[in-house]
């Protein structure tokens, strides 16, 4: 099971990409986040639901 911190990070990543659907990269907390990060975040959130 993902930790609360992992879930919060994942939600932040998914929201950033949802808010910028045409962007391949978003900046969060001074870090560049790309599509592989989004896929990892989605996998973490999928684990939470089970």
N, C-alpha and C. Protein backbone atom coordinates (compact mmCIF):
# COMPACT_ATOMS: atom_id res chain seq x y z
N UNK A 1 0.85 -1.20 0.00
CA UNK A 1 0.00 0.00 0.00
C UNK A 1 0.88 1.25 0.00
N UNK A 2 0.49 2.23 -0.81
CA UNK A 2 1.27 3.48 -0.82
C UNK A 2 1.08 4.25 0.49
N UNK A 3 2.11 5.01 0.83
CA UNK A 3 2.04 5.84 2.03
C UNK A 3 1.19 7.08 1.74
N UNK A 4 0.81 7.78 2.80
CA UNK A 4 0.06 9.03 2.62
C UNK A 4 0.87 10.04 1.81
N UNK A 5 2.18 10.07 2.03
CA UNK A 5 3.05 10.99 1.29
C UNK A 5 3.07 10.64 -0.21
N UNK A 6 3.15 9.36 -0.52
CA UNK A 6 3.14 8.93 -1.93
C UNK A 6 1.81 9.27 -2.59
N UNK A 7 0.73 9.09 -1.87
CA UNK A 7 -0.59 9.42 -2.41
C UNK A 7 -0.71 10.92 -2.66
N UNK A 8 -0.25 11.72 -1.73
CA UNK A 8 -0.32 13.18 -1.89
C UNK A 8 0.51 13.62 -3.09
N UNK A 9 1.72 13.07 -3.24
CA UNK A 9 2.58 13.39 -4.37
C UNK A 9 1.89 13.00 -5.68
N UNK A 10 1.32 11.82 -5.71
CA UNK A 10 0.65 11.31 -6.91
C UNK A 10 -0.53 12.19 -7.29
N UNK A 11 -1.32 12.58 -6.32
CA UNK A 11 -2.47 13.44 -6.60
C UNK A 11 -2.02 14.78 -7.16
N UNK A 12 -0.91 15.31 -6.64
CA UNK A 12 -0.38 16.59 -7.11
C UNK A 12 0.07 16.47 -8.57
N UNK A 13 0.73 15.37 -8.91
CA UNK A 13 1.21 15.13 -10.27
C UNK A 13 0.03 15.01 -11.24
N UNK A 14 -0.93 14.20 -10.89
CA UNK A 14 -2.09 13.98 -11.75
C UNK A 14 -2.86 15.29 -11.96
N UNK A 15 -3.04 16.06 -10.90
CA UNK A 15 -3.75 17.33 -11.02
C UNK A 15 -3.00 18.29 -11.93
N UNK A 16 -1.69 18.36 -11.80
CA UNK A 16 -0.89 19.27 -12.63
C UNK A 16 -1.06 18.94 -14.11
N UNK A 17 -1.05 17.66 -14.45
CA UNK A 17 -1.21 17.28 -15.85
C UNK A 17 -2.66 17.46 -16.31
N UNK A 18 -3.62 17.25 -15.43
CA UNK A 18 -5.02 17.50 -15.80
C UNK A 18 -5.25 18.98 -16.05
N UNK A 19 -4.58 19.83 -15.29
CA UNK A 19 -4.70 21.28 -15.46
C UNK A 19 -3.98 21.78 -16.71
N UNK A 20 -3.04 20.98 -17.23
CA UNK A 20 -2.25 21.34 -18.41
C UNK A 20 -2.21 20.15 -19.38
N UNK A 21 -3.37 19.82 -19.97
CA UNK A 21 -3.47 18.58 -20.74
C UNK A 21 -2.58 18.51 -21.99
N UNK A 22 -2.16 19.64 -22.54
CA UNK A 22 -1.33 19.60 -23.74
C UNK A 22 0.16 19.64 -23.43
N UNK A 23 0.50 19.74 -22.17
CA UNK A 23 1.90 19.84 -21.77
C UNK A 23 2.51 18.46 -21.57
N UNK A 24 3.75 18.31 -22.04
CA UNK A 24 4.47 17.06 -21.81
C UNK A 24 5.28 17.10 -20.53
N UNK A 25 5.48 18.30 -20.00
CA UNK A 25 6.27 18.50 -18.79
C UNK A 25 5.61 19.59 -17.96
N UNK A 26 5.57 19.41 -16.65
CA UNK A 26 5.07 20.44 -15.74
C UNK A 26 6.12 20.67 -14.66
N UNK A 27 6.07 21.85 -14.06
CA UNK A 27 7.01 22.18 -12.99
C UNK A 27 6.25 22.16 -11.66
N UNK A 28 6.73 21.36 -10.74
CA UNK A 28 6.10 21.23 -9.42
C UNK A 28 7.20 21.34 -8.37
N UNK A 29 7.02 22.25 -7.44
CA UNK A 29 7.99 22.44 -6.36
C UNK A 29 9.42 22.61 -6.90
N UNK A 30 9.54 23.32 -8.02
CA UNK A 30 10.84 23.59 -8.59
C UNK A 30 11.45 22.43 -9.37
N UNK A 31 10.70 21.36 -9.56
CA UNK A 31 11.19 20.18 -10.28
C UNK A 31 10.40 19.98 -11.56
N UNK A 32 11.10 19.56 -12.60
CA UNK A 32 10.44 19.25 -13.86
C UNK A 32 9.89 17.82 -13.78
N UNK A 33 8.60 17.69 -14.05
CA UNK A 33 7.92 16.40 -13.96
C UNK A 33 7.41 16.07 -15.35
N UNK A 34 7.71 14.85 -15.84
CA UNK A 34 7.29 14.48 -17.17
C UNK A 34 6.35 13.27 -17.14
N UNK A 35 6.01 12.79 -18.34
CA UNK A 35 5.01 11.73 -18.46
C UNK A 35 5.35 10.44 -17.70
N UNK A 36 6.61 10.02 -17.63
CA UNK A 36 6.89 8.83 -16.82
C UNK A 36 6.51 9.02 -15.34
N UNK A 37 6.69 10.24 -14.84
CA UNK A 37 6.26 10.53 -13.46
C UNK A 37 4.73 10.41 -13.35
N UNK A 38 4.04 10.89 -14.39
CA UNK A 38 2.58 10.80 -14.39
C UNK A 38 2.14 9.34 -14.35
N UNK A 39 2.76 8.51 -15.17
CA UNK A 39 2.39 7.09 -15.18
C UNK A 39 2.65 6.44 -13.82
N UNK A 40 3.76 6.79 -13.20
CA UNK A 40 4.07 6.24 -11.87
C UNK A 40 3.03 6.70 -10.85
N UNK A 41 2.63 7.97 -10.93
CA UNK A 41 1.63 8.51 -10.01
C UNK A 41 0.30 7.80 -10.19
N UNK A 42 -0.08 7.56 -11.44
CA UNK A 42 -1.34 6.87 -11.70
C UNK A 42 -1.32 5.44 -11.15
N UNK A 43 -0.18 4.78 -11.25
CA UNK A 43 -0.05 3.42 -10.70
C UNK A 43 -0.18 3.44 -9.18
N UNK A 44 0.43 4.43 -8.54
CA UNK A 44 0.33 4.55 -7.08
C UNK A 44 -1.12 4.76 -6.67
N UNK A 45 -1.82 5.64 -7.37
CA UNK A 45 -3.22 5.90 -7.04
C UNK A 45 -4.10 4.68 -7.30
N UNK A 46 -3.77 3.90 -8.30
CA UNK A 46 -4.53 2.67 -8.58
C UNK A 46 -4.38 1.68 -7.43
N UNK A 47 -3.20 1.64 -6.83
CA UNK A 47 -2.98 0.72 -5.70
C UNK A 47 -3.83 1.13 -4.49
N UNK A 48 -4.02 2.42 -4.34
CA UNK A 48 -4.78 2.94 -3.21
C UNK A 48 -6.23 2.48 -3.24
N UNK A 49 -6.79 2.37 -4.42
CA UNK A 49 -8.21 2.05 -4.59
C UNK A 49 -8.50 0.61 -4.25
N UNK A 50 -7.55 -0.26 -4.43
CA UNK A 50 -7.79 -1.71 -4.23
C UNK A 50 -8.04 -2.06 -2.81
